[in-house]
């Protein structure tokens, strides 16, 4: 049984080697992304700033809520 598994593993390794070599020979650059996929940095910065403010507010409110439930 071990020789059967070793044979399959050897075949898979050989296939991966051939595949990686054949892909490595392609010298064409990857296609450029269309401009629609470029994020608007102002929107991204605003969203991250808002998310950070929400996180800070939750960490400030959280202990008070937990403390009031314990009383």
PDB file of N, CA and C in Angstrom:
ATOM      1  N   UNK A   1       0.829  -1.201   0.000  1.00  0.00           N
ATOM      2  CA  UNK A   1       0.000   0.000   0.000  1.00  0.00           C
ATOM      3  C   UNK A   1       0.866   1.254   0.000  1.00  0.00           C
ATOM      4  N   UNK A   2       1.980   1.219   0.738  1.00  0.00           N
ATOM      5  CA  UNK A   2       2.864   2.382   0.784  1.00  0.00           C
ATOM      6  C   UNK A   2       3.484   2.664  -0.577  1.00  0.00           C
ATOM      7  N   UNK A   3       3.837   1.607  -1.323  1.00  0.00           N
ATOM      8  CA  UNK A   3       4.436   1.837  -2.636  1.00  0.00           C
ATOM      9  C   UNK A   3       3.413   2.451  -3.595  1.00  0.00           C
ATOM     10  N   UNK A   4       2.142   2.104  -3.429  1.00  0.00           N
ATOM     11  CA  UNK A   4       1.082   2.690  -4.256  1.00  0.00           C
ATOM     12  C   UNK A   4       0.974   4.191  -3.993  1.00  0.00           C
ATOM     13  N   UNK A   5       0.979   4.577  -2.709  1.00  0.00           N
ATOM     14  CA  UNK A   5       0.895   5.993  -2.340  1.00  0.00           C
ATOM     15  C   UNK A   5       2.156   6.726  -2.792  1.00  0.00           C
ATOM     16  N   UNK A   6       3.325   6.091  -2.622  1.00  0.00           N
ATOM     17  CA  UNK A   6       4.575   6.719  -3.067  1.00  0.00           C
ATOM     18  C   UNK A   6       4.570   6.947  -4.572  1.00  0.00           C
ATOM     19  N   UNK A   7       4.026   6.015  -5.323  1.00  0.00           N
ATOM     20  CA  UNK A   7       3.942   6.170  -6.776  1.00  0.00           C
ATOM     21  C   UNK A   7       3.057   7.341  -7.165  1.00  0.00           C
ATOM     22  N   UNK A   8       1.916   7.459  -6.493  1.00  0.00           N
ATOM     23  CA  UNK A   8       1.022   8.588  -6.778  1.00  0.00           C
ATOM     24  C   UNK A   8       1.668   9.913  -6.399  1.00  0.00           C
ATOM     25  N   UNK A   9       2.347   9.955  -5.255  1.00  0.00           N
ATOM     26  CA  UNK A   9       3.008  11.183  -4.832  1.00  0.00           C
ATOM     27  C   UNK A   9       4.114  11.575  -5.821  1.00  0.00           C
ATOM     28  N   UNK A  10       4.852  10.581  -6.303  1.00  0.00           N
ATOM     29  CA  UNK A  10       5.903  10.857  -7.284  1.00  0.00           C
ATOM     30  C   UNK A  10       5.298  11.393  -8.583  1.00  0.00           C
ATOM     31  N   UNK A  11       4.174  10.827  -9.002  1.00  0.00           N
ATOM     32  CA  UNK A  11       3.509  11.283 -10.225  1.00  0.00           C
ATOM     33  C   UNK A  11       2.983  12.705 -10.057  1.00  0.00           C
ATOM     34  N   UNK A  12       2.421  13.001  -8.889  1.00  0.00           N
ATOM     35  CA  UNK A  12       1.895  14.352  -8.636  1.00  0.00           C
ATOM     36  C   UNK A  12       3.033  15.354  -8.613  1.00  0.00           C
ATOM     37  N   UNK A  13       4.156  15.020  -7.974  1.00  0.00           N
ATOM     38  CA  UNK A  13       5.305  15.921  -7.944  1.00  0.00           C
ATOM     39  C   UNK A  13       5.835  16.177  -9.351  1.00  0.00           C
ATOM     40  N   UNK A  14       5.902  15.121 -10.174  1.00  0.00           N
ATOM     41  CA  UNK A  14       6.374  15.271 -11.544  1.00  0.00           C
ATOM     42  C   UNK A  14       5.433  16.176 -12.334  1.00  0.00           C
ATOM     43  N   UNK A  15       4.134  15.986 -12.146  1.00  0.00           N
ATOM     44  CA  UNK A  15       3.157  16.823 -12.834  1.00  0.00           C
ATOM     45  C   UNK A  15       3.287  18.281 -12.408  1.00  0.00           C
ATOM     46  N   UNK A  16       3.452  18.532 -11.114  1.00  0.00           N
ATOM     47  CA  UNK A  16       3.616  19.901 -10.625  1.00  0.00           C
ATOM     48  C   UNK A  16       4.895  20.537 -11.164  1.00  0.00           C
ATOM     49  N   UNK A  17       5.958  19.741 -11.270  1.00  0.00           N
ATOM     50  CA  UNK A  17       7.211  20.265 -11.806  1.00  0.00           C
ATOM     51  C   UNK A  17       7.045  20.655 -13.268  1.00  0.00           C
ATOM     52  N   UNK A  18       6.417  19.775 -14.058  1.00  0.00           N
ATOM     53  CA  UNK A  18       6.204  20.077 -15.471  1.00  0.00           C
ATOM     54  C   UNK A  18       5.298  21.293 -15.633  1.00  0.00           C
ATOM     55  N   UNK A  19       4.256  21.370 -14.819  1.00  0.00           N
ATOM     56  CA  UNK A  19       3.339  22.490 -14.898  1.00  0.00           C
ATOM     57  C   UNK A  19       4.028  23.801 -14.514  1.00  0.00           C
ATOM     58  N   UNK A  20       4.815  23.788 -13.454  1.00  0.00           N
ATOM     59  CA  UNK A  20       5.501  25.017 -13.041  1.00  0.00           C
ATOM     60  C   UNK A  20       6.530  25.444 -14.072  1.00  0.00           C
ATOM     61  N   UNK A  21       7.216  24.495 -14.695  1.00  0.00           N
ATOM     62  CA  UNK A  21       8.193  24.856 -15.724  1.00  0.00           C
ATOM     63  C   UNK A  21       7.497  25.415 -16.959  1.00  0.00           C
ATOM     64  N   UNK A  22       6.371  24.830 -17.334  1.00  0.00           N
ATOM     65  CA  UNK A  22       5.679  25.324 -18.525  1.00  0.00           C
ATOM     66  C   UNK A  22       5.071  26.697 -18.271  1.00  0.00           C
ATOM     67  N   UNK A  23       4.609  26.937 -17.069  1.00  0.00           N
ATOM     68  CA  UNK A  23       4.075  28.258 -16.754  1.00  0.00           C
ATOM     69  C   UNK A  23       5.191  29.285 -16.605  1.00  0.00           C
ATOM     70  N   UNK A  24       6.342  28.850 -16.142  1.00  0.00           N
ATOM     71  CA  UNK A  24       7.468  29.757 -15.981  1.00  0.00           C
ATOM     72  C   UNK A  24       8.045  30.211 -17.306  1.00  0.00           C
ATOM     73  N   UNK A  25       7.836  29.445 -18.372  1.00  0.00           N
ATOM     74  CA  UNK A  25       8.368  29.816 -19.682  1.00  0.00           C
ATOM     75  C   UNK A  25       7.547  30.903 -20.354  1.00  0.00           C
ATOM     76  N   UNK A  26       6.354  31.148 -19.882  1.00  0.00           N
ATOM     77  CA  UNK A  26       5.536  32.197 -20.478  1.00  0.00           C
ATOM     78  C   UNK A  26       6.073  33.551 -20.022  1.00  0.00           C
ATOM     79  N   UNK A  27       6.457  34.375 -20.985  1.00  0.00           N
ATOM     80  CA  UNK A  27       7.053  35.657 -20.622  1.00  0.00           C
ATOM     81  C   UNK A  27       6.076  36.812 -20.783  1.00  0.00           C
ATOM     82  N   UNK A  28       4.824  36.525 -21.101  1.00  0.00           N
ATOM     83  CA  UNK A  28       3.870  37.623 -21.268  1.00  0.00           C
ATOM     84  C   UNK A  28       3.485  38.173 -19.898  1.00  0.00           C
ATOM     85  N   UNK A  29       3.417  39.494 -19.776  1.00  0.00           N
ATOM     86  CA  UNK A  29       3.048  40.078 -18.483  1.00  0.00           C
ATOM     87  C   UNK A  29       1.575  39.841 -18.186  1.00  0.00           C
ATOM     88  N   UNK A  30       1.188  39.862 -16.929  1.00  0.00           N
ATOM     89  CA  UNK A  30      -0.224  39.679 -16.602  1.00  0.00           C
ATOM     90  C   UNK A  30      -1.040  40.856 -17.118  1.00  0.00           C
ATOM     91  N   UNK A  31      -2.287  40.631 -17.459  1.00  0.00           N
ATOM     92  CA  UNK A  31      -3.101  41.734 -17.981  1.00  0.00           C
ATOM     93  C   UNK A  31      -3.339  42.792 -16.909  1.00  0.00           C
ATOM     94  N   UNK A  32      -3.399  44.030 -17.343  1.00  0.00           N
ATOM     95  CA  UNK A  32      -3.628  45.132 -16.414  1.00  0.00           C
ATOM     96  C   UNK A  32      -5.088  45.162 -15.991  1.00  0.00           C
ATOM     97  N   UNK A  33      -5.310  45.552 -14.764  1.00  0.00           N
ATOM     98  CA  UNK A  33      -6.687  45.653 -14.280  1.00  0.00           C
ATOM     99  C   UNK A  33      -7.364  46.888 -14.858  1.00  0.00           C
ATOM    100  N   UNK A  34      -8.626  46.793 -15.180  1.00  0.00           N
ATOM    101  CA  UNK A  34      -9.328  47.996 -15.635  1.00  0.00           C
ATOM    102  C   UNK A  34      -9.421  49.020 -14.506  1.00  0.00           C
ATOM    103  N   UNK A  35      -9.611  50.259 -14.877  1.00  0.00           N
ATOM    104  CA  UNK A  35      -9.625  51.324 -13.876  1.00  0.00           C
ATOM    105  C   UNK A  35     -10.809  51.205 -12.923  1.00  0.00           C
ATOM    106  N   UNK A  36     -11.822  50.429 -13.289  1.00  0.00           N
ATOM    107  CA  UNK A  36     -12.974  50.260 -12.405  1.00  0.00           C
ATOM    108  C   UNK A  36     -12.580  49.513 -11.130  1.00  0.00           C
ATOM    109  N   UNK A  37     -11.513  48.715 -11.184  1.00  0.00           N
ATOM    110  CA  UNK A  37     -11.099  47.937 -10.017  1.00  0.00           C
ATOM    111  C   UNK A  37     -10.185  48.718  -9.081  1.00  0.00           C
ATOM    112  N   UNK A  38      -9.732  49.899  -9.487  1.00  0.00           N
ATOM    113  CA  UNK A  38      -8.875  50.709  -8.629  1.00  0.00           C
ATOM    114  C   UNK A  38      -9.756  51.399  -7.590  1.00  0.00           C
ATOM    115  N   UNK A  39      -9.521  51.183  -6.310  1.00  0.00           N
ATOM    116  CA  UNK A  39     -10.393  51.786  -5.302  1.00  0.00           C
ATOM    117  C   UNK A  39     -10.186  53.297  -5.213  1.00  0.00           C
ATOM    118  N   UNK A  40     -11.234  53.984  -4.921  1.00  0.00           N
ATOM    119  CA  UNK A  40     -11.151  55.426  -4.683  1.00  0.00           C
ATOM    120  C   UNK A  40     -10.564  55.611  -3.286  1.00  0.00           C
ATOM    121  N   UNK A  41      -9.395  56.185  -3.217  1.00  0.00           N
ATOM    122  CA  UNK A  41      -8.686  56.262  -1.942  1.00  0.00           C
ATOM    123  C   UNK A  41      -9.411  57.138  -0.939  1.00  0.00           C
ATOM    124  N   UNK A  42     -10.105  58.163  -1.414  1.00  0.00           N
ATOM    125  CA  UNK A  42     -10.830  59.031  -0.473  1.00  0.00           C
ATOM    126  C   UNK A  42     -11.951  58.248   0.198  1.00  0.00           C
ATOM    127  N   UNK A  43     -12.681  57.447  -0.588  1.00  0.00           N
ATOM    128  CA  UNK A  43     -13.772  56.653  -0.020  1.00  0.00           C
ATOM    129  C   UNK A  43     -13.217  55.598   0.932  1.00  0.00           C
ATOM    130  N   UNK A  44     -12.124  54.949   0.527  1.00  0.00           N
ATOM    131  CA  UNK A  44     -11.529  53.914   1.369  1.00  0.00           C
ATOM    132  C   UNK A  44     -11.031  54.509   2.682  1.00  0.00           C
ATOM    133  N   UNK A  45     -10.392  55.670   2.610  1.00  0.00           N
ATOM    134  CA  UNK A  45      -9.888  56.302   3.833  1.00  0.00           C
ATOM    135  C   UNK A  45     -11.042  56.716   4.738  1.00  0.00           C
ATOM    136  N   UNK A  46     -12.108  57.230   4.143  1.00  0.00           N
ATOM    137  CA  UNK A  46     -13.264  57.630   4.948  1.00  0.00           C
ATOM    138  C   UNK A  46     -13.896  56.416   5.612  1.00  0.00           C
ATOM    139  N   UNK A  47     -14.038  55.321   4.871  1.00  0.00           N
ATOM    140  CA  UNK A  47     -14.649  54.118   5.441  1.00  0.00           C
ATOM    141  C   UNK A  47     -13.787  53.552   6.559  1.00  0.00           C
ATOM    142  N   UNK A  48     -12.467  53.535   6.379  1.00  0.00           N
ATOM    143  CA  UNK A  48     -11.615  52.985   7.431  1.00  0.00           C
ATOM    144  C   UNK A  48     -11.613  53.904   8.650  1.00  0.00           C
ATOM    145  N   UNK A  49     -11.679  55.219   8.416  1.00  0.00           N
ATOM    146  CA  UNK A  49     -11.734  56.154   9.541  1.00  0.00           C
ATOM    147  C   UNK A  49     -13.050  55.987  10.305  1.00  0.00           C
ATOM    148  N   UNK A  50     -14.132  55.781   9.568  1.00  0.00           N
ATOM    149  CA  UNK A  50     -15.429  55.582  10.217  1.00  0.00           C
ATOM    150  C   UNK A  50     -15.456  54.255  10.978  1.00  0.00           C
ATOM    151  N   UNK A  51     -14.887  53.214  10.379  1.00  0.00           N
ATOM    152  CA  UNK A  51     -14.838  51.923  11.057  1.00  0.00           C
ATOM    153  C   UNK A  51     -14.001  52.006  12.325  1.00  0.00           C
ATOM    154  N   UNK A  52     -12.888  52.757  12.274  1.00  0.00           N
ATOM    155  CA  UNK A  52     -12.051  52.920  13.452  1.00  0.00           C
ATOM    156  C   UNK A  52     -12.807  53.674  14.546  1.00  0.00           C
ATOM    157  N   UNK A  53     -13.561  54.708  14.150  1.00  0.00           N
ATOM    158  CA  UNK A  53     -14.343  55.467  15.132  1.00  0.00           C
ATOM    159  C   UNK A  53     -15.421  54.590  15.767  1.00  0.00           C
ATOM    160  N   UNK A  54     -16.051  53.728  14.961  1.00  0.00           N
ATOM    161  CA  UNK A  54     -17.050  52.805  15.499  1.00  0.00           C
ATOM    162  C   UNK A  54     -16.410  51.839  16.492  1.00  0.00           C
ATOM    163  N   UNK A  55     -15.220  51.358  16.151  1.00  0.00           N
ATOM    164  CA  UNK A  55     -14.531  50.421  17.038  1.00  0.00           C
ATOM    165  C   UNK A  55     -14.179  51.091  18.364  1.00  0.00           C
ATOM    166  N   UNK A  56     -13.683  52.325  18.298  1.00  0.00           N
ATOM    167  CA  UNK A  56     -13.341  53.052  19.526  1.00  0.00           C
ATOM    168  C   UNK A  56     -14.592  53.279  20.364  1.00  0.00           C
ATOM    169  N   UNK A  57     -15.685  53.649  19.707  1.00  0.00           N
ATOM    170  CA  UNK A  57     -16.928  53.892  20.448  1.00  0.00           C
ATOM    171  C   UNK A  57     -17.419  52.605  21.114  1.00  0.00           C
ATOM    172  N   UNK A  58     -17.319  51.488  20.428  1.00  0.00           N
ATOM    173  CA  UNK A  58     -17.748  50.218  21.022  1.00  0.00           C
ATOM    174  C   UNK A  58     -16.877  49.821  22.200  1.00  0.00           C
ATOM    175  N   UNK A  59     -15.573  50.078  22.093  1.00  0.00           N
ATOM    176  CA  UNK A  59     -14.705  49.725  23.216  1.00  0.00           C
ATOM    177  C   UNK A  59     -14.946  50.636  24.408  1.00  0.00           C
ATOM    178  N   UNK A  60     -15.416  51.852  24.171  1.00  0.00           N
ATOM    179  CA  UNK A  60     -15.730  52.743  25.296  1.00  0.00           C
ATOM    180  C   UNK A  60     -17.070  52.379  25.925  1.00  0.00           C
ATOM    181  N   UNK A  61     -18.042  51.984  25.102  1.00  0.00           N
ATOM    182  CA  UNK A  61     -19.380  51.663  25.601  1.00  0.00           C
ATOM    183  C   UNK A  61     -19.408  50.271  26.228  1.00  0.00           C
ATOM    184  N   UNK A  62     -18.637  49.352  25.674  1.00  0.00           N
ATOM    185  CA  UNK A  62     -18.672  47.960  26.107  1.00  0.00           C
ATOM    186  C   UNK A  62     -18.496  47.751  27.592  1.00  0.00           C
ATOM    187  N   UNK A  63     -17.435  48.293  28.215  1.00  0.00           N
ATOM    188  CA  UNK A  63     -17.250  48.074  29.657  1.00  0.00           C
ATOM    189  C   UNK A  63     -18.384  48.651  30.502  1.00  0.00           C
ATOM    190  N   UNK A  64     -18.961  49.761  30.072  1.00  0.00           N
ATOM    191  CA  UNK A  64     -20.067  50.342  30.838  1.00  0.00           C
ATOM    192  C   UNK A  64     -21.300  49.443  30.775  1.00  0.00           C
ATOM    193  N   UNK A  65     -21.563  48.872  29.598  1.00  0.00           N
ATOM    194  CA  UNK A  65     -22.720  47.989  29.458  1.00  0.00           C
ATOM    195  C   UNK A  65     -22.517  46.722  30.276  1.00  0.00           C
ATOM    196  N   UNK A  66     -21.313  46.168  30.215  1.00  0.00           N
ATOM    197  CA  UNK A  66     -21.031  44.954  30.974  1.00  0.00           C
ATOM    198  C   UNK A  66     -21.104  45.247  32.469  1.00  0.00           C
ATOM    199  N   UNK A  67     -20.582  46.394  32.890  1.00  0.00           N
ATOM    200  CA  UNK A  67     -20.614  46.761  34.313  1.00  0.00           C
ATOM    201  C   UNK A  67     -22.027  46.990  34.815  1.00  0.00           C
ATOM    202  N   UNK A  68     -22.885  47.575  33.976  1.00  0.00           N
ATOM    203  CA  UNK A  68     -24.249  47.838  34.423  1.00  0.00           C
ATOM    204  C   UNK A  68     -25.065  46.557  34.517  1.00  0.00           C
ATOM    205  N   UNK A  69     -24.715  45.553  33.737  1.00  0.00           N
ATOM    206  CA  UNK A  69     -25.449  44.288  33.818  1.00  0.00           C
ATOM    207  C   UNK A  69     -25.069  43.512  35.073  1.00  0.00           C
ATOM    208  N   UNK A  70     -23.869  43.729  35.568  1.00  0.00           N
ATOM    209  CA  UNK A  70     -23.430  43.017  36.756  1.00  0.00           C
ATOM    210  C   UNK A  70     -24.028  43.559  38.033  1.00  0.00           C
ATOM    211  N   UNK A  71     -24.546  44.778  38.031  1.00  0.00           N
ATOM    212  CA  UNK A  71     -25.089  45.389  39.261  1.00  0.00           C
ATOM    213  C   UNK A  71     -26.460  44.903  39.563  1.00  0.00           C
TER     214      UNK A  71
END
